[in-house]
mmCIF file of all heavy atoms, coordinates in Angstrom:
data_MODEL
# 
_entry.id   MODEL 
# 
loop_
_atom_site.group_PDB 
_atom_site.id 
_atom_site.type_symbol 
_atom_site.label_atom_id 
_atom_site.label_alt_id 
_atom_site.label_comp_id 
_atom_site.label_asym_id 
_atom_site.label_entity_id 
_atom_site.label_seq_id 
_atom_site.pdbx_PDB_ins_code 
_atom_site.Cartn_x 
_atom_site.Cartn_y 
_atom_site.Cartn_z 
_atom_site.occupancy 
_atom_site.B_iso_or_equiv 
_atom_site.pdbx_formal_charge 
_atom_site.auth_seq_id 
_atom_site.auth_comp_id 
_atom_site.auth_asym_id 
_atom_site.auth_atom_id 
_atom_site.pdbx_PDB_model_num 
ATOM 1   N N   . GLY A 1 1  ? -152.375 8.497  -55.736 1.00 0.00 ? 1  GLY A N   1 
ATOM 2   C CA  . GLY A 1 1  ? -152.447 9.842  -56.351 1.00 0.00 ? 1  GLY A CA  1 
ATOM 3   C C   . GLY A 1 1  ? -152.111 11.050 -55.556 1.00 0.00 ? 1  GLY A C   1 
ATOM 4   O O   . GLY A 1 1  ? -152.011 12.149 -56.013 1.00 0.00 ? 1  GLY A O   1 
ATOM 5   N N   . THR A 1 2  ? -152.018 10.819 -54.225 1.00 0.00 ? 2  THR A N   1 
ATOM 6   C CA  . THR A 1 2  ? -151.709 12.022 -53.352 1.00 0.00 ? 2  THR A CA  1 
ATOM 7   C C   . THR A 1 2  ? -150.168 12.075 -52.920 1.00 0.00 ? 2  THR A C   1 
ATOM 8   O O   . THR A 1 2  ? -149.773 12.995 -52.164 1.00 0.00 ? 2  THR A O   1 
ATOM 9   C CB  . THR A 1 2  ? -152.538 11.937 -52.009 1.00 0.00 ? 2  THR A CB  1 
ATOM 10  O OG1 . THR A 1 2  ? -152.230 10.779 -51.333 1.00 0.00 ? 2  THR A OG1 1 
ATOM 11  C CG2 . THR A 1 2  ? -154.020 12.003 -52.355 1.00 0.00 ? 2  THR A CG2 1 
ATOM 12  N N   . ILE A 1 3  ? -149.403 11.077 -53.370 1.00 0.00 ? 3  ILE A N   1 
ATOM 13  C CA  . ILE A 1 3  ? -148.018 10.994 -53.020 1.00 0.00 ? 3  ILE A CA  1 
ATOM 14  C C   . ILE A 1 3  ? -147.129 10.899 -54.245 1.00 0.00 ? 3  ILE A C   1 
ATOM 15  O O   . ILE A 1 3  ? -147.573 10.577 -55.342 1.00 0.00 ? 3  ILE A O   1 
ATOM 16  C CB  . ILE A 1 3  ? -147.715 9.882  -51.983 1.00 0.00 ? 3  ILE A CB  1 
ATOM 17  C CG1 . ILE A 1 3  ? -148.111 8.535  -52.599 1.00 0.00 ? 3  ILE A CG1 1 
ATOM 18  C CG2 . ILE A 1 3  ? -148.441 10.111 -50.664 1.00 0.00 ? 3  ILE A CG2 1 
ATOM 19  C CD1 . ILE A 1 3  ? -147.808 7.358  -51.775 1.00 0.00 ? 3  ILE A CD1 1 
ATOM 20  N N   . GLU A 1 4  ? -145.806 11.076 -54.018 1.00 0.00 ? 4  GLU A N   1 
ATOM 21  C CA  . GLU A 1 4  ? -144.826 10.861 -55.098 1.00 0.00 ? 4  GLU A CA  1 
ATOM 22  C C   . GLU A 1 4  ? -143.518 10.521 -54.393 1.00 0.00 ? 4  GLU A C   1 
ATOM 23  O O   . GLU A 1 4  ? -143.359 10.724 -53.223 1.00 0.00 ? 4  GLU A O   1 
ATOM 24  C CB  . GLU A 1 4  ? -144.664 12.076 -55.986 1.00 0.00 ? 4  GLU A CB  1 
ATOM 25  C CG  . GLU A 1 4  ? -144.194 13.349 -55.286 1.00 0.00 ? 4  GLU A CG  1 
ATOM 26  C CD  . GLU A 1 4  ? -144.284 14.632 -56.057 1.00 0.00 ? 4  GLU A CD  1 
ATOM 27  O OE1 . GLU A 1 4  ? -144.939 14.568 -57.183 1.00 0.00 ? 4  GLU A OE1 1 
ATOM 28  O OE2 . GLU A 1 4  ? -143.689 15.622 -55.711 1.00 0.00 ? 4  GLU A OE2 1 
ATOM 29  N N   . VAL A 1 5  ? -142.600 9.977  -55.179 1.00 0.00 ? 5  VAL A N   1 
ATOM 30  C CA  . VAL A 1 5  ? -141.273 9.595  -54.634 1.00 0.00 ? 5  VAL A CA  1 
ATOM 31  C C   . VAL A 1 5  ? -140.207 10.465 -55.313 1.00 0.00 ? 5  VAL A C   1 
ATOM 32  O O   . VAL A 1 5  ? -140.001 10.382 -56.511 1.00 0.00 ? 5  VAL A O   1 
ATOM 33  C CB  . VAL A 1 5  ? -140.973 8.109  -54.906 1.00 0.00 ? 5  VAL A CB  1 
ATOM 34  C CG1 . VAL A 1 5  ? -139.599 7.748  -54.409 1.00 0.00 ? 5  VAL A CG1 1 
ATOM 35  C CG2 . VAL A 1 5  ? -142.064 7.235  -54.266 1.00 0.00 ? 5  VAL A CG2 1 
ATOM 36  N N   . ALA A 1 6  ? -139.489 11.242 -54.437 1.00 0.00 ? 6  ALA A N   1 
ATOM 37  C CA  . ALA A 1 6  ? -138.409 12.078 -54.906 1.00 0.00 ? 6  ALA A CA  1 
ATOM 38  C C   . ALA A 1 6  ? -137.183 11.148 -55.036 1.00 0.00 ? 6  ALA A C   1 
ATOM 39  O O   . ALA A 1 6  ? -136.749 10.535 -54.091 1.00 0.00 ? 6  ALA A O   1 
ATOM 40  C CB  . ALA A 1 6  ? -138.089 13.170 -53.922 1.00 0.00 ? 6  ALA A CB  1 
ATOM 41  N N   . VAL A 1 7  ? -136.642 10.999 -56.291 1.00 0.00 ? 7  VAL A N   1 
ATOM 42  C CA  . VAL A 1 7  ? -135.569 10.005 -56.582 1.00 0.00 ? 7  VAL A CA  1 
ATOM 43  C C   . VAL A 1 7  ? -134.216 10.434 -56.022 1.00 0.00 ? 7  VAL A C   1 
ATOM 44  O O   . VAL A 1 7  ? -133.713 11.565 -56.223 1.00 0.00 ? 7  VAL A O   1 
ATOM 45  C CB  . VAL A 1 7  ? -135.538 9.746  -58.090 1.00 0.00 ? 7  VAL A CB  1 
ATOM 46  C CG1 . VAL A 1 7  ? -134.283 8.895  -58.414 1.00 0.00 ? 7  VAL A CG1 1 
ATOM 47  C CG2 . VAL A 1 7  ? -136.763 9.177  -58.560 1.00 0.00 ? 7  VAL A CG2 1 
ATOM 48  N N   . GLU A 1 8  ? -133.594 9.560  -55.335 1.00 0.00 ? 8  GLU A N   1 
ATOM 49  C CA  . GLU A 1 8  ? -132.173 9.758  -54.862 1.00 0.00 ? 8  GLU A CA  1 
ATOM 50  C C   . GLU A 1 8  ? -131.213 8.815  -55.599 1.00 0.00 ? 8  GLU A C   1 
ATOM 51  O O   . GLU A 1 8  ? -130.067 9.030  -55.665 1.00 0.00 ? 8  GLU A O   1 
ATOM 52  C CB  . GLU A 1 8  ? -132.110 9.537  -53.336 1.00 0.00 ? 8  GLU A CB  1 
ATOM 53  C CG  . GLU A 1 8  ? -132.954 10.547 -52.576 1.00 0.00 ? 8  GLU A CG  1 
ATOM 54  C CD  . GLU A 1 8  ? -133.062 10.158 -51.060 1.00 0.00 ? 8  GLU A CD  1 
ATOM 55  O OE1 . GLU A 1 8  ? -132.463 9.243  -50.635 1.00 0.00 ? 8  GLU A OE1 1 
ATOM 56  O OE2 . GLU A 1 8  ? -133.818 10.917 -50.424 1.00 0.00 ? 8  GLU A OE2 1 
ATOM 57  N N   . GLU A 1 9  ? -131.700 7.655  -56.070 1.00 0.00 ? 9  GLU A N   1 
ATOM 58  C CA  . GLU A 1 9  ? -130.867 6.786  -56.886 1.00 0.00 ? 9  GLU A CA  1 
ATOM 59  C C   . GLU A 1 9  ? -131.782 6.157  -57.915 1.00 0.00 ? 9  GLU A C   1 
ATOM 60  O O   . GLU A 1 9  ? -132.896 5.735  -57.695 1.00 0.00 ? 9  GLU A O   1 
ATOM 61  C CB  . GLU A 1 9  ? -130.318 5.628  -55.960 1.00 0.00 ? 9  GLU A CB  1 
ATOM 62  C CG  . GLU A 1 9  ? -129.425 4.631  -56.737 1.00 0.00 ? 9  GLU A CG  1 
ATOM 63  C CD  . GLU A 1 9  ? -129.089 3.459  -55.890 1.00 0.00 ? 9  GLU A CD  1 
ATOM 64  O OE1 . GLU A 1 9  ? -129.400 3.393  -54.683 1.00 0.00 ? 9  GLU A OE1 1 
ATOM 65  O OE2 . GLU A 1 9  ? -128.371 2.587  -56.417 1.00 0.00 ? 9  GLU A OE2 1 
ATOM 66  N N   . LEU A 1 10 ? -131.252 6.008  -59.223 1.00 0.00 ? 10 LEU A N   1 
ATOM 67  C CA  . LEU A 1 10 ? -132.011 5.441  -60.324 1.00 0.00 ? 10 LEU A CA  1 
ATOM 68  C C   . LEU A 1 10 ? -131.065 4.488  -61.029 1.00 0.00 ? 10 LEU A C   1 
ATOM 69  O O   . LEU A 1 10 ? -129.904 4.825  -61.431 1.00 0.00 ? 10 LEU A O   1 
ATOM 70  C CB  . LEU A 1 10 ? -132.493 6.617  -61.249 1.00 0.00 ? 10 LEU A CB  1 
ATOM 71  C CG  . LEU A 1 10 ? -133.196 6.068  -62.503 1.00 0.00 ? 10 LEU A CG  1 
ATOM 72  C CD1 . LEU A 1 10 ? -134.531 5.451  -62.130 1.00 0.00 ? 10 LEU A CD1 1 
ATOM 73  C CD2 . LEU A 1 10 ? -133.424 7.198  -63.435 1.00 0.00 ? 10 LEU A CD2 1 
ATOM 74  N N   . ARG A 1 11 ? -131.554 3.272  -61.191 1.00 0.00 ? 11 ARG A N   1 
ATOM 75  C CA  . ARG A 1 11 ? -130.797 2.298  -62.026 1.00 0.00 ? 11 ARG A CA  1 
ATOM 76  C C   . ARG A 1 11 ? -131.656 1.863  -63.193 1.00 0.00 ? 11 ARG A C   1 
ATOM 77  O O   . ARG A 1 11 ? -132.913 1.592  -63.063 1.00 0.00 ? 11 ARG A O   1 
ATOM 78  C CB  . ARG A 1 11 ? -130.500 1.051  -61.182 1.00 0.00 ? 11 ARG A CB  1 
ATOM 79  C CG  . ARG A 1 11 ? -129.620 1.305  -59.967 1.00 0.00 ? 11 ARG A CG  1 
ATOM 80  C CD  . ARG A 1 11 ? -129.232 -0.009 -59.327 1.00 0.00 ? 11 ARG A CD  1 
ATOM 81  N NE  . ARG A 1 11 ? -128.706 0.181  -58.002 1.00 0.00 ? 11 ARG A NE  1 
ATOM 82  C CZ  . ARG A 1 11 ? -128.105 -0.760 -57.255 1.00 0.00 ? 11 ARG A CZ  1 
ATOM 83  N NH1 . ARG A 1 11 ? -128.098 -2.035 -57.716 1.00 0.00 ? 11 ARG A NH1 1 
ATOM 84  N NH2 . ARG A 1 11 ? -127.635 -0.476 -56.049 1.00 0.00 ? 11 ARG A NH2 1 
ATOM 85  N N   . ILE A 1 12 ? -131.086 1.880  -64.400 1.00 0.00 ? 12 ILE A N   1 
ATOM 86  C CA  . ILE A 1 12 ? -131.732 1.372  -65.582 1.00 0.00 ? 12 ILE A CA  1 
ATOM 87  C C   . ILE A 1 12 ? -131.330 -0.039 -65.794 1.00 0.00 ? 12 ILE A C   1 
ATOM 88  O O   . ILE A 1 12 ? -130.171 -0.306 -66.156 1.00 0.00 ? 12 ILE A O   1 
ATOM 89  C CB  . ILE A 1 12 ? -131.453 2.266  -66.855 1.00 0.00 ? 12 ILE A CB  1 
ATOM 90  C CG1 . ILE A 1 12 ? -131.946 3.711  -66.610 1.00 0.00 ? 12 ILE A CG1 1 
ATOM 91  C CG2 . ILE A 1 12 ? -132.098 1.616  -68.080 1.00 0.00 ? 12 ILE A CG2 1 
ATOM 92  C CD1 . ILE A 1 12 ? -131.580 4.641  -67.762 1.00 0.00 ? 12 ILE A CD1 1 
ATOM 93  N N   . LEU A 1 13 ? -132.199 -0.986 -65.541 1.00 0.00 ? 13 LEU A N   1 
ATOM 94  C CA  . LEU A 1 13 ? -131.908 -2.375 -65.596 1.00 0.00 ? 13 LEU A CA  1 
ATOM 95  C C   . LEU A 1 13 ? -132.003 -2.982 -67.008 1.00 0.00 ? 13 LEU A C   1 
ATOM 96  O O   . LEU A 1 13 ? -131.383 -3.970 -67.301 1.00 0.00 ? 13 LEU A O   1 
ATOM 97  C CB  . LEU A 1 13 ? -132.749 -3.212 -64.596 1.00 0.00 ? 13 LEU A CB  1 
ATOM 98  C CG  . LEU A 1 13 ? -132.663 -2.717 -63.189 1.00 0.00 ? 13 LEU A CG  1 
ATOM 99  C CD1 . LEU A 1 13 ? -133.631 -3.533 -62.257 1.00 0.00 ? 13 LEU A CD1 1 
ATOM 100 C CD2 . LEU A 1 13 ? -131.267 -2.789 -62.577 1.00 0.00 ? 13 LEU A CD2 1 
ATOM 101 N N   . ASN A 1 14 ? -132.961 -2.424 -67.826 1.00 0.00 ? 14 ASN A N   1 
ATOM 102 C CA  . ASN A 1 14 ? -133.022 -2.828 -69.183 1.00 0.00 ? 14 ASN A CA  1 
ATOM 103 C C   . ASN A 1 14 ? -133.862 -1.789 -69.963 1.00 0.00 ? 14 ASN A C   1 
ATOM 104 O O   . ASN A 1 14 ? -134.589 -1.012 -69.421 1.00 0.00 ? 14 ASN A O   1 
ATOM 105 C CB  . ASN A 1 14 ? -133.772 -4.212 -69.247 1.00 0.00 ? 14 ASN A CB  1 
ATOM 106 C CG  . ASN A 1 14 ? -133.338 -5.066 -70.400 1.00 0.00 ? 14 ASN A CG  1 
ATOM 107 O OD1 . ASN A 1 14 ? -132.770 -4.601 -71.326 1.00 0.00 ? 14 ASN A OD1 1 
ATOM 108 N ND2 . ASN A 1 14 ? -133.623 -6.304 -70.292 1.00 0.00 ? 14 ASN A ND2 1 
ATOM 109 N N   . THR A 1 15 ? -133.613 -1.834 -71.292 1.00 0.00 ? 15 THR A N   1 
ATOM 110 C CA  . THR A 1 15 ? -134.305 -0.930 -72.255 1.00 0.00 ? 15 THR A CA  1 
ATOM 111 C C   . THR A 1 15 ? -135.528 -1.729 -72.851 1.00 0.00 ? 15 THR A C   1 
ATOM 112 O O   . THR A 1 15 ? -135.726 -2.844 -72.589 1.00 0.00 ? 15 THR A O   1 
ATOM 113 C CB  . THR A 1 15 ? -133.366 -0.399 -73.274 1.00 0.00 ? 15 THR A CB  1 
ATOM 114 O OG1 . THR A 1 15 ? -132.872 -1.587 -74.027 1.00 0.00 ? 15 THR A OG1 1 
ATOM 115 C CG2 . THR A 1 15 ? -132.194 0.334  -72.646 1.00 0.00 ? 15 THR A CG2 1 
ATOM 116 N N   . CYS A 1 16 ? -136.178 -1.072 -73.717 1.00 0.00 ? 16 CYS A N   1 
ATOM 117 C CA  . CYS A 1 16 ? -137.385 -1.641 -74.354 1.00 0.00 ? 16 CYS A CA  1 
ATOM 118 C C   . CYS A 1 16 ? -137.471 -1.253 -75.868 1.00 0.00 ? 16 CYS A C   1 
ATOM 119 O O   . CYS A 1 16 ? -137.289 0.035  -76.124 1.00 0.00 ? 16 CYS A O   1 
ATOM 120 C CB  . CYS A 1 16 ? -138.714 -1.356 -73.659 1.00 0.00 ? 16 CYS A CB  1 
ATOM 121 S SG  . CYS A 1 16 ? -140.130 -1.986 -74.421 1.00 0.00 ? 16 CYS A SG  1 
ATOM 122 N N   . ASP A 1 17 ? -137.599 -2.051 -76.794 1.00 0.00 ? 17 ASP A N   1 
ATOM 123 C CA  . ASP A 1 17 ? -137.862 -1.753 -78.165 1.00 0.00 ? 17 ASP A CA  1 
ATOM 124 C C   . ASP A 1 17 ? -139.136 -0.978 -78.336 1.00 0.00 ? 17 ASP A C   1 
ATOM 125 O O   . ASP A 1 17 ? -139.890 -0.867 -77.440 1.00 0.00 ? 17 ASP A O   1 
ATOM 126 C CB  . ASP A 1 17 ? -137.877 -2.985 -79.065 1.00 0.00 ? 17 ASP A CB  1 
ATOM 127 C CG  . ASP A 1 17 ? -136.504 -3.651 -79.325 1.00 0.00 ? 17 ASP A CG  1 
ATOM 128 O OD1 . ASP A 1 17 ? -135.487 -2.983 -78.900 1.00 0.00 ? 17 ASP A OD1 1 
ATOM 129 O OD2 . ASP A 1 17 ? -136.403 -4.724 -79.852 1.00 0.00 ? 17 ASP A OD2 1 
ATOM 130 N N   . ILE A 1 18 ? -139.195 -0.434 -79.564 1.00 0.00 ? 18 ILE A N   1 
ATOM 131 C CA  . ILE A 1 18 ? -140.618 0.232  -79.854 1.00 0.00 ? 18 ILE A CA  1 
ATOM 132 C C   . ILE A 1 18 ? -141.734 -0.716 -79.806 1.00 0.00 ? 18 ILE A C   1 
ATOM 133 O O   . ILE A 1 18 ? -141.698 -1.796 -80.247 1.00 0.00 ? 18 ILE A O   1 
ATOM 134 C CB  . ILE A 1 18 ? -140.539 0.793  -81.303 1.00 0.00 ? 18 ILE A CB  1 
ATOM 135 C CG1 . ILE A 1 18 ? -139.425 1.845  -81.381 1.00 0.00 ? 18 ILE A CG1 1 
ATOM 136 C CG2 . ILE A 1 18 ? -141.848 1.453  -81.673 1.00 0.00 ? 18 ILE A CG2 1 
ATOM 137 C CD1 . ILE A 1 18 ? -139.240 2.398  -82.803 1.00 0.00 ? 18 ILE A CD1 1 
ATOM 138 N N   . LEU A 1 19 ? -142.714 -0.349 -79.027 1.00 0.00 ? 19 LEU A N   1 
ATOM 139 C CA  . LEU A 1 19 ? -143.839 -1.180 -78.628 1.00 0.00 ? 19 LEU A CA  1 
ATOM 140 C C   . LEU A 1 19 ? -144.797 -1.381 -79.849 1.00 0.00 ? 19 LEU A C   1 
ATOM 141 O O   . LEU A 1 19 ? -145.112 -0.424 -80.576 1.00 0.00 ? 19 LEU A O   1 
ATOM 142 C CB  . LEU A 1 19 ? -144.640 -0.619 -77.444 1.00 0.00 ? 19 LEU A CB  1 
ATOM 143 C CG  . LEU A 1 19 ? -143.850 -0.566 -76.124 1.00 0.00 ? 19 LEU A CG  1 
ATOM 144 C CD1 . LEU A 1 19 ? -144.659 0.290  -75.166 1.00 0.00 ? 19 LEU A CD1 1 
ATOM 145 C CD2 . LEU A 1 19 ? -143.629 -1.931 -75.550 1.00 0.00 ? 19 LEU A CD2 1 
ATOM 146 N N   . PRO A 1 20 ? -145.296 -2.590 -80.037 1.00 0.00 ? 20 PRO A N   1 
ATOM 147 C CA  . PRO A 1 20 ? -146.292 -2.850 -81.063 1.00 0.00 ? 20 PRO A CA  1 
ATOM 148 C C   . PRO A 1 20 ? -147.714 -2.304 -80.742 1.00 0.00 ? 20 PRO A C   1 
ATOM 149 O O   . PRO A 1 20 ? -148.515 -2.098 -81.639 1.00 0.00 ? 20 PRO A O   1 
ATOM 150 C CB  . PRO A 1 20 ? -146.297 -4.351 -81.262 1.00 0.00 ? 20 PRO A CB  1 
ATOM 151 C CG  . PRO A 1 20 ? -145.856 -4.859 -79.811 1.00 0.00 ? 20 PRO A CG  1 
ATOM 152 C CD  . PRO A 1 20 ? -144.923 -3.888 -79.332 1.00 0.00 ? 20 PRO A CD  1 
ATOM 153 N N   . PHE A 1 21 ? -147.860 -2.060 -79.495 1.00 0.00 ? 21 PHE A N   1 
ATOM 154 C CA  . PHE A 1 21 ? -149.141 -1.409 -79.037 1.00 0.00 ? 21 PHE A CA  1 
ATOM 155 C C   . PHE A 1 21 ? -148.882 -0.803 -77.644 1.00 0.00 ? 21 PHE A C   1 
ATOM 156 O O   . PHE A 1 21 ? -147.993 -1.301 -76.922 1.00 0.00 ? 21 PHE A O   1 
ATOM 157 C CB  . PHE A 1 21 ? -150.300 -2.394 -78.998 1.00 0.00 ? 21 PHE A CB  1 
ATOM 158 C CG  . PHE A 1 21 ? -150.048 -3.714 -78.279 1.00 0.00 ? 21 PHE A CG  1 
ATOM 159 C CD1 . PHE A 1 21 ? -150.151 -3.799 -76.848 1.00 0.00 ? 21 PHE A CD1 1 
ATOM 160 C CD2 . PHE A 1 21 ? -149.724 -4.842 -78.936 1.00 0.00 ? 21 PHE A CD2 1 
ATOM 161 C CE1 . PHE A 1 21 ? -149.901 -4.992 -76.209 1.00 0.00 ? 21 PHE A CE1 1 
ATOM 162 C CE2 . PHE A 1 21 ? -149.490 -6.048 -78.279 1.00 0.00 ? 21 PHE A CE2 1 
ATOM 163 C CZ  . PHE A 1 21 ? -149.585 -6.096 -76.890 1.00 0.00 ? 21 PHE A CZ  1 
ATOM 164 N N   . PRO A 1 22 ? -149.665 0.152  -77.210 1.00 0.00 ? 22 PRO A N   1 
ATOM 165 C CA  . PRO A 1 22 ? -149.453 0.811  -75.920 1.00 0.00 ? 22 PRO A CA  1 
ATOM 166 C C   . PRO A 1 22 ? -149.826 -0.199 -74.772 1.00 0.00 ? 22 PRO A C   1 
ATOM 167 O O   . PRO A 1 22 ? -150.706 -0.997 -74.869 1.00 0.00 ? 22 PRO A O   1 
ATOM 168 C CB  . PRO A 1 22 ? -150.361 1.985  -75.930 1.00 0.00 ? 22 PRO A CB  1 
ATOM 169 C CG  . PRO A 1 22 ? -151.416 1.710  -76.969 1.00 0.00 ? 22 PRO A CG  1 
ATOM 170 C CD  . PRO A 1 22 ? -150.739 0.876  -78.032 1.00 0.00 ? 22 PRO A CD  1 
ATOM 171 N N   . ILE A 1 23 ? -149.067 -0.039 -73.638 1.00 0.00 ? 23 ILE A N   1 
ATOM 172 C CA  . ILE A 1 23 ? -149.338 -0.882 -72.478 1.00 0.00 ? 23 ILE A CA  1 
ATOM 173 C C   . ILE A 1 23 ? -150.379 -0.106 -71.644 1.00 0.00 ? 23 ILE A C   1 
ATOM 174 O O   . ILE A 1 23 ? -150.077 0.637  -70.684 1.00 0.00 ? 23 ILE A O   1 
ATOM 175 C CB  . ILE A 1 23 ? -148.048 -1.110 -71.737 1.00 0.00 ? 23 ILE A CB  1 
ATOM 176 C CG1 . ILE A 1 23 ? -146.954 -1.677 -72.584 1.00 0.00 ? 23 ILE A CG1 1 
ATOM 177 C CG2 . ILE A 1 23 ? -148.372 -2.119 -70.478 1.00 0.00 ? 23 ILE A CG2 1 
ATOM 178 C CD1 . ILE A 1 23 ? -147.388 -2.955 -73.244 1.00 0.00 ? 23 ILE A CD1 1 
ATOM 179 N N   . GLU A 1 24 ? -151.595 -0.189 -72.046 1.00 0.00 ? 24 GLU A N   1 
ATOM 180 C CA  . GLU A 1 24 ? -152.719 0.495  -71.374 1.00 0.00 ? 24 GLU A CA  1 
ATOM 181 C C   . GLU A 1 24 ? -153.982 -0.300 -71.603 1.00 0.00 ? 24 GLU A C   1 
ATOM 182 O O   . GLU A 1 24 ? -154.085 -1.117 -72.532 1.00 0.00 ? 24 GLU A O   1 
ATOM 183 C CB  . GLU A 1 24 ? -152.838 1.932  -71.888 1.00 0.00 ? 24 GLU A CB  1 
ATOM 184 C CG  . GLU A 1 24 ? -153.064 2.082  -73.316 1.00 0.00 ? 24 GLU A CG  1 
ATOM 185 C CD  . GLU A 1 24 ? -152.958 3.514  -73.864 1.00 0.00 ? 24 GLU A CD  1 
ATOM 186 O OE1 . GLU A 1 24 ? -152.131 4.288  -73.279 1.00 0.00 ? 24 GLU A OE1 1 
ATOM 187 O OE2 . GLU A 1 24 ? -153.707 3.849  -74.763 1.00 0.00 ? 24 GLU A OE2 1 
ATOM 188 N N   . ASP A 1 25 ? -155.042 0.047  -70.877 1.00 0.00 ? 25 ASP A N   1 
ATOM 189 C CA  . ASP A 1 25 ? -156.364 -0.571 -71.028 1.00 0.00 ? 25 ASP A CA  1 
ATOM 190 C C   . ASP A 1 25 ? -157.108 -0.068 -72.225 1.00 0.00 ? 25 ASP A C   1 
ATOM 191 O O   . ASP A 1 25 ? -156.776 1.020  -72.737 1.00 0.00 ? 25 ASP A O   1 
ATOM 192 C CB  . ASP A 1 25 ? -157.176 -0.481 -69.793 1.00 0.00 ? 25 ASP A CB  1 
ATOM 193 C CG  . ASP A 1 25 ? -156.599 -1.197 -68.560 1.00 0.00 ? 25 ASP A CG  1 
ATOM 194 O OD1 . ASP A 1 25 ? -155.735 -2.083 -68.827 1.00 0.00 ? 25 ASP A OD1 1 
ATOM 195 O OD2 . ASP A 1 25 ? -156.913 -0.903 -67.474 1.00 0.00 ? 25 ASP A OD2 1 
ATOM 196 N N   . ASN A 1 26 ? -158.062 -0.817 -72.669 1.00 0.00 ? 26 ASN A N   1 
ATOM 197 C CA  . ASN A 1 26 ? -159.115 -0.363 -73.710 1.00 0.00 ? 26 ASN A CA  1 
ATOM 198 C C   . ASN A 1 26 ? -158.314 -0.086 -75.018 1.00 0.00 ? 26 ASN A C   1 
ATOM 199 O O   . ASN A 1 26 ? -158.626 0.920  -75.679 1.00 0.00 ? 26 ASN A O   1 
ATOM 200 C CB  . ASN A 1 26 ? -159.868 0.839  -73.246 1.00 0.00 ? 26 ASN A CB  1 
ATOM 201 C CG  . ASN A 1 26 ? -160.662 0.520  -71.975 1.00 0.00 ? 26 ASN A CG  1 
ATOM 202 O OD1 . ASN A 1 26 ? -161.269 -0.429 -71.845 1.00 0.00 ? 26 ASN A OD1 1 
ATOM 203 N ND2 . ASN A 1 26 ? -160.519 1.533  -71.043 1.00 0.00 ? 26 ASN A ND2 1 
ATOM 204 N N   . ILE A 1 27 ? -157.384 -0.897 -75.382 1.00 0.00 ? 27 ILE A N   1 
ATOM 205 C CA  . ILE A 1 27 ? -156.691 -0.652 -76.697 1.00 0.00 ? 27 ILE A CA  1 
ATOM 206 C C   . ILE A 1 27 ? -157.444 -1.362 -77.846 1.00 0.00 ? 27 ILE A C   1 
ATOM 207 O O   . ILE A 1 27 ? -158.185 -2.323 -77.611 1.00 0.00 ? 27 ILE A O   1 
ATOM 208 C CB  . ILE A 1 27 ? -155.218 -1.206 -76.639 1.00 0.00 ? 27 ILE A CB  1 
ATOM 209 C CG1 . ILE A 1 27 ? -155.250 -2.723 -76.325 1.00 0.00 ? 27 ILE A CG1 1 
ATOM 210 C CG2 . ILE A 1 27 ? -154.394 -0.496 -75.663 1.00 0.00 ? 27 ILE A CG2 1 
ATOM 211 C CD1 . ILE A 1 27 ? -153.886 -3.426 -76.332 1.00 0.00 ? 27 ILE A CD1 1 
# 
């Protein structure tokens, strides 16, 4: 939480369909 990465190169390797539920805890 005290750092971040400034992007110099970005590759999109795959997409994702609309999710049936969120990818998070306590759903």
